[in-house]
Amino acid sequence: MKVVSSIRSLKLRHPNCQVVRRRGRIYVINKTNPRFKARQG
């Protein structure tokens, strides 16, 4: 999982990417292509 400084680039990565907030952190999940997983904060 990559730690990333900006969310904007993550949203545009793939049509199936979802941005989710958990415990004050922002995660990007992708069910179809798990290699796009990322975290911010």
N, C-alpha and C. Protein backbone atom coordinates (compact mmCIF):
# COMPACT_ATOMS: atom_id res chain seq x y z
N MET A 1 0.85 -1.18 0.00
CA MET A 1 0.00 0.00 0.00
C MET A 1 0.90 1.24 0.00
N LYS A 2 0.57 2.19 -0.85
CA LYS A 2 1.40 3.38 -0.95
C LYS A 2 0.83 4.49 -0.09
N VAL A 3 1.70 5.27 0.52
CA VAL A 3 1.28 6.47 1.24
C VAL A 3 1.48 7.64 0.28
N VAL A 4 0.43 8.41 0.07
CA VAL A 4 0.46 9.42 -0.99
C VAL A 4 0.15 10.80 -0.43
N SER A 5 0.74 11.83 -1.03
CA SER A 5 0.58 13.17 -0.49
C SER A 5 -0.68 13.87 -0.99
N SER A 6 -1.17 13.50 -2.17
CA SER A 6 -2.38 14.16 -2.65
C SER A 6 -3.42 13.15 -3.09
N ILE A 7 -4.68 13.44 -2.77
CA ILE A 7 -5.77 12.52 -3.10
C ILE A 7 -6.21 12.70 -4.54
N ARG A 8 -6.05 13.90 -5.04
CA ARG A 8 -6.56 14.20 -6.38
C ARG A 8 -6.03 13.22 -7.41
N SER A 9 -4.74 12.90 -7.31
CA SER A 9 -4.14 11.98 -8.28
C SER A 9 -4.70 10.57 -8.13
N LEU A 10 -5.15 10.24 -6.91
CA LEU A 10 -5.64 8.88 -6.68
C LEU A 10 -7.03 8.69 -7.26
N LYS A 11 -7.85 9.73 -7.17
CA LYS A 11 -9.22 9.60 -7.67
C LYS A 11 -9.22 9.35 -9.17
N LEU A 12 -8.26 9.95 -9.87
CA LEU A 12 -8.25 9.86 -11.33
C LEU A 12 -7.53 8.62 -11.83
N ARG A 13 -7.09 7.78 -10.91
CA ARG A 13 -6.28 6.65 -11.32
C ARG A 13 -7.04 5.60 -12.11
N HIS A 14 -8.28 5.32 -11.69
CA HIS A 14 -9.00 4.17 -12.24
C HIS A 14 -10.48 4.42 -11.99
N PRO A 15 -11.35 4.00 -12.89
CA PRO A 15 -12.79 4.26 -12.69
C PRO A 15 -13.36 3.59 -11.45
N ASN A 16 -12.75 2.50 -10.97
CA ASN A 16 -13.32 1.78 -9.83
C ASN A 16 -12.75 2.19 -8.49
N CYS A 17 -11.90 3.21 -8.47
CA CYS A 17 -11.29 3.62 -7.21
C CYS A 17 -12.32 4.30 -6.32
N GLN A 18 -12.34 3.90 -5.04
CA GLN A 18 -13.21 4.55 -4.06
C GLN A 18 -12.34 5.19 -3.01
N VAL A 19 -12.68 6.43 -2.61
CA VAL A 19 -11.96 7.11 -1.55
C VAL A 19 -12.77 6.97 -0.27
N VAL A 20 -12.16 6.42 0.77
CA VAL A 20 -12.86 6.10 2.00
C VAL A 20 -12.12 6.69 3.19
N ARG A 21 -12.87 7.23 4.18
CA ARG A 21 -12.23 7.73 5.40
C ARG A 21 -12.41 6.71 6.51
N ARG A 22 -11.31 6.32 7.12
CA ARG A 22 -11.35 5.41 8.26
C ARG A 22 -10.38 5.88 9.31
N ARG A 23 -10.88 6.08 10.53
CA ARG A 23 -10.04 6.48 11.68
C ARG A 23 -9.16 7.68 11.36
N GLY A 24 -9.74 8.66 10.66
CA GLY A 24 -8.99 9.89 10.37
C GLY A 24 -8.01 9.77 9.22
N ARG A 25 -7.90 8.61 8.64
CA ARG A 25 -7.04 8.45 7.48
C ARG A 25 -7.89 8.31 6.25
N ILE A 26 -7.31 8.64 5.11
CA ILE A 26 -8.04 8.52 3.85
C ILE A 26 -7.43 7.38 3.06
N TYR A 27 -8.26 6.44 2.68
CA TYR A 27 -7.80 5.26 1.95
C TYR A 27 -8.41 5.25 0.56
N VAL A 28 -7.69 4.66 -0.37
CA VAL A 28 -8.23 4.41 -1.69
C VAL A 28 -8.30 2.91 -1.87
N ILE A 29 -9.50 2.41 -2.18
CA ILE A 29 -9.67 0.97 -2.38
C ILE A 29 -10.11 0.73 -3.81
N ASN A 30 -9.70 -0.40 -4.33
CA ASN A 30 -10.13 -0.79 -5.65
C ASN A 30 -10.30 -2.30 -5.66
N LYS A 31 -11.56 -2.75 -5.80
CA LYS A 31 -11.81 -4.19 -5.73
C LYS A 31 -11.28 -4.90 -6.97
N THR A 32 -11.42 -4.28 -8.15
CA THR A 32 -11.04 -4.97 -9.36
C THR A 32 -9.53 -5.01 -9.53
N ASN A 33 -8.83 -3.98 -9.05
CA ASN A 33 -7.38 -3.94 -9.24
C ASN A 33 -6.72 -3.50 -7.94
N PRO A 34 -6.42 -4.45 -7.05
CA PRO A 34 -5.96 -4.11 -5.70
C PRO A 34 -4.62 -3.39 -5.67
N ARG A 35 -3.92 -3.31 -6.77
CA ARG A 35 -2.63 -2.65 -6.69
C ARG A 35 -2.77 -1.13 -6.56
N PHE A 36 -3.99 -0.60 -6.70
CA PHE A 36 -4.19 0.83 -6.55
C PHE A 36 -4.47 1.23 -5.11
N LYS A 37 -4.36 0.30 -4.16
CA LYS A 37 -4.61 0.65 -2.77
C LYS A 37 -3.64 1.72 -2.31
N ALA A 38 -4.16 2.72 -1.58
CA ALA A 38 -3.28 3.77 -1.09
C ALA A 38 -3.87 4.39 0.17
N ARG A 39 -3.00 5.16 0.88
CA ARG A 39 -3.42 5.75 2.13
C ARG A 39 -2.87 7.15 2.23
N GLN A 40 -3.61 8.03 2.89
CA GLN A 40 -3.09 9.36 3.16
C GLN A 40 -3.31 9.70 4.61
N GLY A 41 -2.28 10.24 5.28
CA GLY A 41 -2.43 10.68 6.67
C GLY A 41 -2.05 9.61 7.66
